Amino acid sequence: MKVQPDHYLLAIDTATAWQSVALLRGEKVLALVEQDADGSHARSLMGAIDQVLREGNIPLNELQALAVSIGPGSFTGLRVGLATMLGFRAVLGLPIAPVPTLEGMAWNLRAVKGLLVPILKSRHNEVYWAAYEWLPELGLRTLIPEQVGPPSSVARVVQVAKSCTCFGDGWQAHAKDIQQGLDAAGGQIQEITLEQQRPSAVSVGLAGRQRLAEGQIAEQELVPRYVQRTEAEVQFDEQQGVSALERRRQRVASKLSKARQRPVPKSADSRRSK
């Protein structure tokens, strides 16, 4: 799919407790809604999406693309986010750009030089992490792919560079252990603001636009990106039932079908006729 500069793109990130929803037109952010939704993505996500569409004055039928953070991260949050985007695709027929969560976080720091190490909390006192850097004219390069392990495992980045920028909720939760590991290996950490550390739907949207332009569109089956197998997956396989992700997709599709049948606001009609 060729992404046009004026395409309207809806992007979401539900990989962590921090829920982020954004509406973009090209690289311009038309609306952004963010909140702490720990354990409540299923209740709050559709309301946040409705809010950004209202603030951006964009009816459902004018959306042209979707972007979603696919993990690693919280199984529940990822399931809700992916199922919601699948529901939008089922009703509106829009392409979805899947964006790995850690890669999306690296888009937060497009102006930061050097090694970027996004870190997210995992289970059992472990962390997800990866290492990236921005190269002039070439864009984002992956230096160490997604990993999962104890906080001290982040010290492996010293094999690539002595100095790095660590960020994310995994860094905030395990800063002492990560710092000790890096100090022992002879590494140094540069710090950034709290706002830059959170996963952002704006970054997911920008990364998604690039992926769409390169033809990287989600296939019919869209599943979370796990660095390890989750307990929820194992439990589902044992139950051999309809997945929670599929049930969520069906509910979202039903709601969107009803929304499309509502009259289009006059303000939207007048805007399109100009």
Protein backbone atom coordinates (compact mmCIF):
# COMPACT_ATOMS: atom_id res chain seq x y z
CA MET A 1 0.00 0.00 0.00
CA LYS A 2 1.29 3.45 -0.92
CA VAL A 3 0.78 5.77 2.07
CA GLN A 4 -0.22 9.23 0.90
CA PRO A 5 0.86 12.32 2.89
CA ASP A 6 -2.74 13.15 3.79
CA HIS A 7 -3.83 9.66 4.86
CA TYR A 8 -5.64 9.42 8.19
CA LEU A 9 -4.06 6.72 10.38
CA LEU A 10 -5.29 5.44 13.74
CA ALA A 11 -2.54 4.06 16.00
CA ILE A 12 -2.71 2.37 19.39
CA ASP A 13 -0.29 0.99 21.97
CA THR A 14 -1.67 -1.27 24.72
CA ALA A 15 1.46 -3.35 25.38
CA THR A 16 1.88 -1.98 28.90
CA ALA A 17 -0.26 -0.39 31.61
CA TRP A 18 0.20 2.93 29.76
CA GLN A 19 -2.50 3.08 27.06
CA SER A 20 -1.87 5.42 24.13
CA VAL A 21 -4.18 6.20 21.19
CA ALA A 22 -3.35 8.67 18.39
CA LEU A 23 -4.84 9.96 15.16
CA LEU A 24 -2.31 11.10 12.54
CA ARG A 25 -2.55 12.72 9.14
CA GLY A 26 0.80 12.12 7.57
CA GLU A 27 3.30 13.04 10.28
CA LYS A 28 0.93 15.53 11.93
CA VAL A 29 -0.74 14.47 15.19
CA LEU A 30 -4.42 15.43 15.07
CA ALA A 31 -5.37 13.96 18.45
CA LEU A 32 -3.74 11.99 21.25
CA VAL A 33 -5.31 10.32 24.31
CA GLU A 34 -3.08 8.63 26.90
CA GLN A 35 -3.82 7.19 30.33
CA ASP A 36 -2.82 4.63 32.91
CA ALA A 37 -5.11 1.72 32.02
CA ASP A 38 -3.50 -1.05 34.03
CA GLY A 39 -5.95 -3.96 33.88
CA SER A 40 -8.67 -1.90 32.19
CA HIS A 41 -7.73 -1.77 28.49
CA ALA A 42 -10.86 -3.70 27.57
CA ARG A 43 -13.06 -1.08 29.25
CA SER A 44 -11.23 2.07 28.21
CA LEU A 45 -9.75 1.50 24.73
CA MET A 46 -12.86 2.00 22.60
CA GLY A 47 -13.71 5.17 24.54
CA ALA A 48 -10.21 6.53 23.91
CA ILE A 49 -10.49 5.74 20.19
CA ASP A 50 -13.87 7.47 20.01
CA GLN A 51 -12.35 10.50 21.74
CA VAL A 52 -9.44 10.91 19.30
CA LEU A 53 -11.80 10.56 16.33
CA ARG A 54 -14.08 13.24 17.78
CA GLU A 55 -11.17 15.56 18.61
CA GLY A 56 -9.76 15.03 15.14
CA ASN A 57 -13.23 15.52 13.61
CA ILE A 58 -12.78 12.35 11.56
CA PRO A 59 -15.67 9.88 11.03
CA LEU A 60 -14.89 6.18 10.87
CA ASN A 61 -15.29 6.03 7.10
CA GLU A 62 -12.44 8.50 6.56
CA LEU A 63 -9.81 6.36 8.28
CA GLN A 64 -7.41 4.87 5.74
CA ALA A 65 -4.89 2.85 7.77
CA LEU A 66 -4.22 1.34 11.19
CA ALA A 67 -1.06 0.77 13.23
CA VAL A 68 -0.78 -1.31 16.37
CA SER A 69 1.93 -2.24 18.85
CA ILE A 70 2.27 -6.04 18.80
CA GLY A 71 4.61 -6.78 21.72
CA PRO A 72 6.41 -8.02 23.59
CA GLY A 73 4.44 -6.86 26.61
CA SER A 74 1.35 -7.60 28.66
CA PHE A 75 -0.63 -10.53 27.26
CA THR A 76 -3.95 -8.96 28.27
CA GLY A 77 -3.12 -5.52 26.90
CA LEU A 78 -1.80 -6.88 23.60
CA ARG A 79 -4.81 -9.14 23.16
CA VAL A 80 -7.22 -6.22 23.61
CA GLY A 81 -5.27 -3.97 21.25
CA LEU A 82 -4.85 -6.50 18.46
CA ALA A 83 -8.42 -7.74 18.68
CA THR A 84 -9.67 -4.16 18.47
CA MET A 85 -7.63 -3.45 15.34
CA LEU A 86 -8.80 -6.72 13.79
CA GLY A 87 -12.37 -5.60 14.44
CA PHE A 88 -11.71 -2.32 12.64
CA ARG A 89 -10.18 -4.18 9.71
CA ALA A 90 -13.11 -6.58 9.50
CA VAL A 91 -15.62 -3.73 9.20
CA LEU A 92 -13.66 -1.01 7.39
CA GLY A 93 -11.30 -3.14 5.29
CA LEU A 94 -8.26 -1.12 6.34
CA PRO A 95 -4.63 -2.30 6.21
CA ILE A 96 -2.87 -2.84 9.54
CA ALA A 97 0.79 -2.06 10.16
CA PRO A 98 2.12 -4.26 12.99
CA VAL A 99 4.86 -2.48 14.96
CA PRO A 100 7.05 -4.36 17.50
CA THR A 101 6.69 -2.57 20.83
CA LEU A 102 10.40 -2.11 21.57
CA GLU A 103 10.99 -0.81 18.05
CA GLY A 104 8.11 1.63 18.47
CA MET A 105 9.69 2.88 21.69
CA ALA A 106 12.93 3.58 19.82
CA TRP A 107 10.91 5.93 17.60
CA ASN A 108 10.33 8.06 20.72
CA LEU A 109 14.02 9.03 20.55
CA ARG A 110 14.54 9.84 16.89
CA ALA A 111 16.71 12.84 17.81
CA VAL A 112 18.88 10.96 20.33
CA LYS A 113 22.29 9.78 19.15
CA GLY A 114 23.98 6.59 20.24
CA LEU A 115 22.69 3.25 21.46
CA LEU A 116 18.99 3.13 22.48
CA VAL A 117 17.91 0.37 24.87
CA PRO A 118 14.13 0.20 25.48
CA ILE A 119 13.33 -2.05 28.46
CA LEU A 120 9.93 -3.40 29.54
CA LYS A 121 8.92 -5.43 32.57
CA SER A 122 8.32 -9.13 31.99
CA ARG A 123 7.27 -11.92 34.32
CA HIS A 124 9.27 -13.46 37.16
CA ASN A 125 11.38 -10.36 37.78
CA GLU A 126 12.71 -10.38 34.20
CA VAL A 127 12.76 -7.73 31.45
CA TYR A 128 12.26 -7.50 27.69
CA TRP A 129 14.90 -5.40 25.96
CA ALA A 130 16.60 -4.69 22.64
CA ALA A 131 19.19 -2.26 21.28
CA TYR A 132 18.81 0.15 18.35
CA GLU A 133 20.44 3.20 16.84
CA TRP A 134 19.36 5.88 14.38
CA LEU A 135 21.59 6.28 11.34
CA PRO A 136 21.57 9.40 9.13
CA GLU A 137 19.70 8.77 5.87
CA LEU A 138 19.21 5.08 6.74
CA GLY A 139 16.79 5.22 9.66
CA LEU A 140 16.52 2.81 12.58
CA ARG A 141 18.94 -0.11 12.80
CA THR A 142 18.57 -3.09 15.13
CA LEU A 143 21.84 -3.93 16.89
CA ILE A 144 20.54 -6.50 19.38
CA PRO A 145 17.15 -8.12 18.67
CA GLU A 146 14.48 -8.59 21.34
CA GLN A 147 15.69 -10.41 24.44
CA VAL A 148 14.15 -11.56 27.71
CA GLY A 149 16.11 -12.25 30.88
CA PRO A 150 17.14 -10.91 34.28
CA PRO A 151 17.83 -7.16 34.51
CA SER A 152 21.56 -7.84 34.64
CA SER A 153 21.38 -9.32 31.12
CA VAL A 154 21.09 -5.78 29.73
CA ALA A 155 24.83 -5.45 30.36
CA ARG A 156 25.31 -7.30 27.06
CA VAL A 157 24.86 -3.95 25.29
CA VAL A 158 28.42 -3.10 26.33
CA GLN A 159 29.52 -5.55 23.62
CA VAL A 160 28.09 -3.06 21.12
CA ALA A 161 28.75 0.32 22.77
CA LYS A 162 30.09 1.58 26.10
CA SER A 163 27.42 4.26 26.39
CA CYS A 164 23.66 3.81 25.97
CA THR A 165 20.27 5.34 26.75
CA CYS A 166 18.13 2.98 28.84
CA PHE A 167 14.41 3.73 29.15
CA GLY A 168 10.99 2.15 29.69
CA ASP A 169 9.09 0.73 32.66
CA GLY A 170 11.61 -2.11 32.94
CA TRP A 171 14.39 0.42 33.42
CA GLN A 172 12.33 2.32 36.00
CA ALA A 173 11.53 -0.88 37.92
CA HIS A 174 15.03 -2.40 37.81
CA ALA A 175 17.35 0.59 37.40
CA LYS A 176 19.59 -0.45 40.30
CA ASP A 177 20.22 -3.98 38.99
CA ILE A 178 20.67 -2.81 35.41
CA GLN A 179 23.03 -0.04 36.51
CA GLN A 180 25.12 -2.48 38.54
CA GLY A 181 25.40 -4.85 35.58
CA LEU A 182 26.48 -2.06 33.25
CA ASP A 183 28.92 -0.61 35.78
CA ALA A 184 30.57 -4.02 36.18
CA ALA A 185 30.92 -4.26 32.40
CA GLY A 186 32.29 -0.76 32.06
CA GLY A 187 29.22 0.86 30.53
CA GLN A 188 27.56 4.24 31.04
CA ILE A 189 23.89 5.24 30.95
CA GLN A 190 22.39 8.45 29.60
CA GLU A 191 18.97 9.38 30.99
CA ILE A 192 15.90 10.94 29.36
CA THR A 193 12.61 12.43 30.56
CA LEU A 194 9.74 10.34 31.88
CA GLU A 195 7.51 11.32 28.95
CA GLN A 196 10.03 9.92 26.47
CA GLN A 197 10.15 6.58 28.30
CA ARG A 198 6.52 5.60 27.81
CA PRO A 199 5.28 3.66 24.78
CA SER A 200 3.57 6.14 22.45
CA ALA A 201 0.87 5.65 19.81
CA VAL A 202 2.40 8.58 17.94
CA SER A 203 5.65 6.63 17.56
CA VAL A 204 3.69 3.50 16.60
CA GLY A 205 1.85 5.55 13.98
CA LEU A 206 5.04 7.00 12.49
CA ALA A 207 6.72 3.59 12.41
CA GLY A 208 3.52 2.12 10.97
CA ARG A 209 3.41 4.65 8.12
CA GLN A 210 6.93 3.62 7.13
CA ARG A 211 6.02 -0.05 7.25
CA LEU A 212 2.91 0.51 5.14
CA ALA A 213 4.97 2.43 2.58
CA GLU A 214 7.33 -0.55 2.41
CA GLY A 215 4.45 -2.98 1.96
CA GLN A 216 4.70 -4.47 5.46
CA ILE A 217 1.01 -5.12 6.05
CA ALA A 218 -0.41 -7.61 8.55
CA GLU A 219 -1.61 -10.88 7.10
CA GLN A 220 -5.07 -12.25 7.81
CA GLU A 221 -3.82 -13.68 11.09
CA LEU A 222 -2.37 -11.09 13.46
CA VAL A 223 -0.91 -12.43 16.69
CA PRO A 224 1.02 -10.82 19.54
CA ARG A 225 4.81 -10.90 19.35
CA TYR A 226 6.08 -12.89 22.30
CA VAL A 227 9.69 -13.41 23.21
CA GLN A 228 8.51 -16.23 25.45
CA ARG A 229 5.40 -18.38 25.69
CA THR A 230 2.85 -16.97 28.14
CA GLU A 231 0.95 -18.80 30.84
CA ALA A 232 -2.28 -17.52 29.28
CA GLU A 233 -1.39 -19.18 25.97
CA VAL A 234 -0.72 -22.48 27.67
CA GLN A 235 -4.01 -22.29 29.54
CA PHE A 236 -5.92 -21.50 26.36
CA ASP A 237 -4.36 -24.44 24.52
CA GLU A 238 -5.42 -26.71 27.36
CA GLN A 239 -8.99 -25.40 27.25
CA GLN A 240 -9.14 -25.63 23.43
CA GLY A 241 -11.83 -22.98 23.24
CA VAL A 242 -12.45 -19.82 21.25
CA SER A 243 -9.63 -17.41 22.03
CA ALA A 244 -10.30 -14.25 23.99
CA LEU A 245 -8.69 -12.30 21.13
CA GLU A 246 -11.27 -13.64 18.66
CA ARG A 247 -14.16 -12.87 21.02
CA ARG A 248 -12.88 -9.31 21.40
CA ARG A 249 -12.55 -8.94 17.63
CA GLN A 250 -16.15 -10.03 17.14
CA ARG A 251 -17.44 -7.53 19.73
CA VAL A 252 -15.50 -4.64 18.19
CA ALA A 253 -16.69 -5.52 14.69
CA SER A 254 -20.30 -5.55 15.91
CA LYS A 255 -19.95 -2.11 17.52
CA LEU A 256 -18.29 -0.61 14.44
CA SER A 257 -20.98 -2.00 12.13
CA LYS A 258 -23.61 -0.21 14.22
CA ALA A 259 -21.54 2.99 14.28
CA ARG A 260 -21.29 3.05 10.47
CA GLN A 261 -25.07 3.02 10.21
CA ARG A 262 -25.40 6.25 12.16
CA PRO A 263 -25.92 9.51 10.20
CA VAL A 264 -22.70 11.37 9.40
CA PRO A 265 -22.51 14.70 11.32
CA LYS A 266 -23.16 17.77 9.17
CA SER A 267 -19.79 19.21 10.13
CA ALA A 268 -18.07 16.24 8.51
CA ASP A 269 -20.23 16.57 5.36
CA SER A 270 -19.42 20.26 5.01
CA ARG A 271 -15.72 19.62 5.56
CA ARG A 272 -15.55 16.99 2.85
CA SER A 273 -17.45 19.16 0.36
CA LYS A 274 -14.93 21.99 0.60
